[in-house]
Amino acid sequence: MLGLTGVLLQGGNPLIVGLGILFLIVLLVVGLVVIGFARLWLQAYFSRADVRLSELVGMWLRKVDRRTIVLSKITAVQAGLQLTTQDLESHYLAGGRVPNVVRALIAADRANINLPLKTATAIDLAGRDILDAIQTSVNPKVIDCPDPKKGKETVDAVAQDGIQLRAKARVTVRT
């Protein structure tokens, strides 16, 4: 048996040589594509996040950031959340911030706050920072009025009779 180089050197059938070269090129392209997806797939597989290779190829065809989706899915699975790859991908395609939503869902789960995925994605798509809202719910924010960082510690006013009034307020925000 002669290898490909032996066939080329001995002047073998050009059709067979051409098909052999075409086969090698196709094999090389497929190999490069698989290697590009294999790293993410292996990471998901060993993290027990159910992401199929076909889903990764689909994300590539739909121009979805595969790394964002897979890492978000791994984060959710490691935190004990049951999210589907399709849900994360559809939120990404809608213009949502997938990692932010996943972190908010994890924070809500840890704080025993009932937050369904559809609600979290709707809040995110409305332009609100869902993670900040959950964190504010867990740890309320205290806002000083006026802000001492901007130079003034109180709001000052003088009445017509010359009495000066100085006011300072603290507002606690909890959503």
Protein backbone atom coordinates (compact mmCIF):
# COMPACT_ATOMS: atom_id res chain seq x y z
CA MET A 1 0.00 0.00 0.00
CA LEU A 2 1.25 3.40 -0.95
CA GLY A 3 0.50 6.53 1.05
CA LEU A 4 -0.77 9.72 -0.52
CA THR A 5 2.76 10.90 -1.26
CA GLY A 6 3.53 7.59 -2.96
CA VAL A 7 0.48 7.94 -5.20
CA LEU A 8 1.48 11.52 -6.07
CA LEU A 9 5.07 10.52 -6.86
CA GLN A 10 4.06 7.57 -9.04
CA GLY A 11 1.56 9.61 -11.03
CA GLY A 12 -1.61 7.90 -9.75
CA ASN A 13 -5.14 8.60 -10.89
CA PRO A 14 -5.68 12.39 -10.63
CA LEU A 15 -9.33 11.91 -9.59
CA ILE A 16 -8.35 9.78 -6.60
CA VAL A 17 -5.56 12.19 -5.65
CA GLY A 18 -7.95 15.17 -5.91
CA LEU A 19 -10.61 13.43 -3.82
CA GLY A 20 -7.98 12.48 -1.25
CA ILE A 21 -6.78 16.07 -0.95
CA LEU A 22 -10.39 17.34 -0.74
CA PHE A 23 -11.13 14.77 1.98
CA LEU A 24 -8.09 15.89 3.97
CA ILE A 25 -9.10 19.56 3.68
CA VAL A 26 -12.66 18.79 4.82
CA LEU A 27 -11.30 16.68 7.68
CA LEU A 28 -8.97 19.51 8.72
CA VAL A 29 -11.79 22.10 8.70
CA VAL A 30 -14.11 19.82 10.70
CA GLY A 31 -11.30 19.11 13.15
CA LEU A 32 -10.62 22.81 13.69
CA VAL A 33 -14.32 23.53 14.25
CA VAL A 34 -14.65 20.65 16.72
CA ILE A 35 -11.55 21.78 18.63
CA GLY A 36 -13.06 25.26 18.92
CA PHE A 37 -16.19 23.86 20.56
CA ALA A 38 -14.58 20.98 22.46
CA ARG A 39 -12.99 23.14 25.14
CA LEU A 40 -16.27 24.77 26.16
CA TRP A 41 -18.16 21.48 25.86
CA LEU A 42 -15.64 19.68 28.08
CA GLN A 43 -15.80 22.45 30.66
CA ALA A 44 -19.60 22.19 30.71
CA TYR A 45 -19.51 18.39 30.77
CA PHE A 46 -17.19 18.16 33.76
CA SER A 47 -19.23 20.83 35.58
CA ARG A 48 -22.36 18.73 35.03
CA ALA A 49 -23.99 21.52 33.04
CA ASP A 50 -26.01 19.92 30.27
CA VAL A 51 -24.75 21.68 27.15
CA ARG A 52 -24.70 19.60 23.98
CA LEU A 53 -22.17 20.06 21.21
CA SER A 54 -25.05 20.64 18.79
CA GLU A 55 -26.24 23.54 20.98
CA LEU A 56 -22.77 25.09 20.80
CA VAL A 57 -22.81 24.82 17.01
CA GLY A 58 -26.30 26.37 16.97
CA MET A 59 -25.08 29.27 19.11
CA TRP A 60 -22.19 29.79 16.71
CA LEU A 61 -24.58 29.90 13.76
CA ARG A 62 -26.88 32.36 15.57
CA LYS A 63 -23.90 34.58 16.55
CA VAL A 64 -24.48 34.03 20.28
CA ASP A 65 -21.51 34.40 22.63
CA ARG A 66 -21.07 30.72 23.51
CA ARG A 67 -18.67 31.43 26.35
CA THR A 68 -21.12 33.75 28.12
CA ILE A 69 -23.95 31.21 27.90
CA VAL A 70 -21.86 28.21 28.95
CA LEU A 71 -20.20 29.98 31.88
CA SER A 72 -23.57 31.32 33.05
CA LYS A 73 -25.07 27.83 32.79
CA ILE A 74 -22.15 26.37 34.78
CA THR A 75 -22.58 29.05 37.44
CA ALA A 76 -26.31 28.31 37.70
CA VAL A 77 -25.80 24.55 37.90
CA GLN A 78 -23.10 24.89 40.55
CA ALA A 79 -25.50 27.06 42.60
CA GLY A 80 -28.27 24.47 42.27
CA LEU A 81 -30.51 26.37 39.85
CA GLN A 82 -32.32 24.56 37.06
CA LEU A 83 -31.97 26.79 33.99
CA THR A 84 -32.02 25.61 30.41
CA THR A 85 -29.47 26.60 27.83
CA GLN A 86 -32.32 27.69 25.58
CA ASP A 87 -33.65 30.12 28.23
CA LEU A 88 -30.23 31.71 28.66
CA GLU A 89 -29.68 31.90 24.92
CA SER A 90 -33.08 33.48 24.23
CA HIS A 91 -32.44 36.12 26.91
CA TYR A 92 -29.05 36.85 25.31
CA LEU A 93 -30.66 37.20 21.87
CA ALA A 94 -33.25 39.58 23.35
CA GLY A 95 -30.41 41.86 24.45
CA GLY A 96 -30.34 40.86 28.10
CA ARG A 97 -27.37 40.64 30.42
CA VAL A 98 -27.26 36.89 31.07
CA PRO A 99 -24.48 36.77 33.71
CA ASN A 100 -26.17 39.56 35.68
CA VAL A 101 -29.52 37.73 35.65
CA VAL A 102 -27.92 34.44 36.73
CA ARG A 103 -26.10 36.16 39.61
CA ALA A 104 -29.38 37.83 40.64
CA LEU A 105 -31.22 34.50 40.57
CA ILE A 106 -28.51 32.96 42.75
CA ALA A 107 -28.65 35.88 45.20
CA ALA A 108 -32.46 35.65 45.36
CA ASP A 109 -32.29 31.89 45.90
CA ARG A 110 -29.78 32.29 48.74
CA ALA A 111 -31.93 35.00 50.35
CA ASN A 112 -35.10 32.86 50.03
CA ILE A 113 -36.69 35.38 47.68
CA ASN A 114 -39.05 33.88 45.13
CA LEU A 115 -37.78 35.19 41.77
CA PRO A 116 -38.80 33.22 38.67
CA LEU A 117 -36.56 33.38 35.60
CA LYS A 118 -39.25 35.07 33.50
CA THR A 119 -39.60 37.87 36.05
CA ALA A 120 -35.85 38.35 36.33
CA THR A 121 -35.41 38.49 32.56
CA ALA A 122 -38.34 40.90 32.19
CA ILE A 123 -36.84 43.25 34.78
CA ASP A 124 -33.45 43.03 33.06
CA LEU A 125 -34.92 43.72 29.62
CA ALA A 126 -36.77 46.72 31.07
CA GLY A 127 -33.37 48.28 31.68
CA ARG A 128 -33.24 47.82 35.45
CA ASP A 129 -30.27 46.30 37.24
CA ILE A 130 -31.85 43.14 38.65
CA LEU A 131 -28.77 42.19 40.65
CA ASP A 132 -28.70 45.59 42.35
CA ALA A 133 -32.42 45.30 43.13
CA ILE A 134 -31.94 41.91 44.81
CA GLN A 135 -28.90 43.10 46.74
CA THR A 136 -30.81 46.21 47.87
CA SER A 137 -33.65 43.98 49.03
CA VAL A 138 -31.24 41.89 51.10
CA ASN A 139 -29.06 44.79 52.30
CA PRO A 140 -31.01 48.06 52.24
CA LYS A 141 -29.19 51.16 51.00
CA VAL A 142 -28.85 54.21 53.18
CA ILE A 143 -28.70 57.45 51.23
CA ASP A 144 -27.57 60.66 52.91
CA CYS A 145 -29.21 63.86 51.68
CA PRO A 146 -27.26 65.92 50.78
CA ASP A 147 -24.34 63.73 49.87
CA PRO A 148 -21.41 64.55 52.21
CA LYS A 149 -18.98 63.50 49.48
CA LYS A 150 -20.03 66.53 47.46
CA GLY A 151 -18.95 69.00 50.12
CA LYS A 152 -22.10 69.93 52.03
CA GLU A 153 -23.26 68.03 55.09
CA THR A 154 -26.57 69.88 55.52
CA VAL A 155 -29.10 71.85 53.53
CA ASP A 156 -29.04 75.41 54.86
CA ALA A 157 -31.76 78.03 54.60
CA VAL A 158 -32.44 81.39 56.26
CA ALA A 159 -35.97 82.58 57.02
CA GLN A 160 -37.04 86.21 56.55
CA ASP A 161 -36.67 86.87 60.25
CA GLY A 162 -33.01 85.77 60.14
CA ILE A 163 -33.37 82.33 61.70
CA GLN A 164 -31.11 79.80 60.08
CA LEU A 165 -32.41 76.28 59.44
CA ARG A 166 -30.05 73.38 58.79
CA ALA A 167 -31.48 70.03 57.69
CA LYS A 168 -30.00 66.62 57.06
CA ALA A 169 -31.91 63.54 55.97
CA ARG A 170 -31.14 59.85 55.69
CA VAL A 171 -33.26 57.70 53.43
CA THR A 172 -33.31 53.92 53.64
CA VAL A 173 -34.20 52.28 50.33
CA ARG A 174 -35.44 48.72 50.32
CA THR A 175 -37.15 47.23 47.29
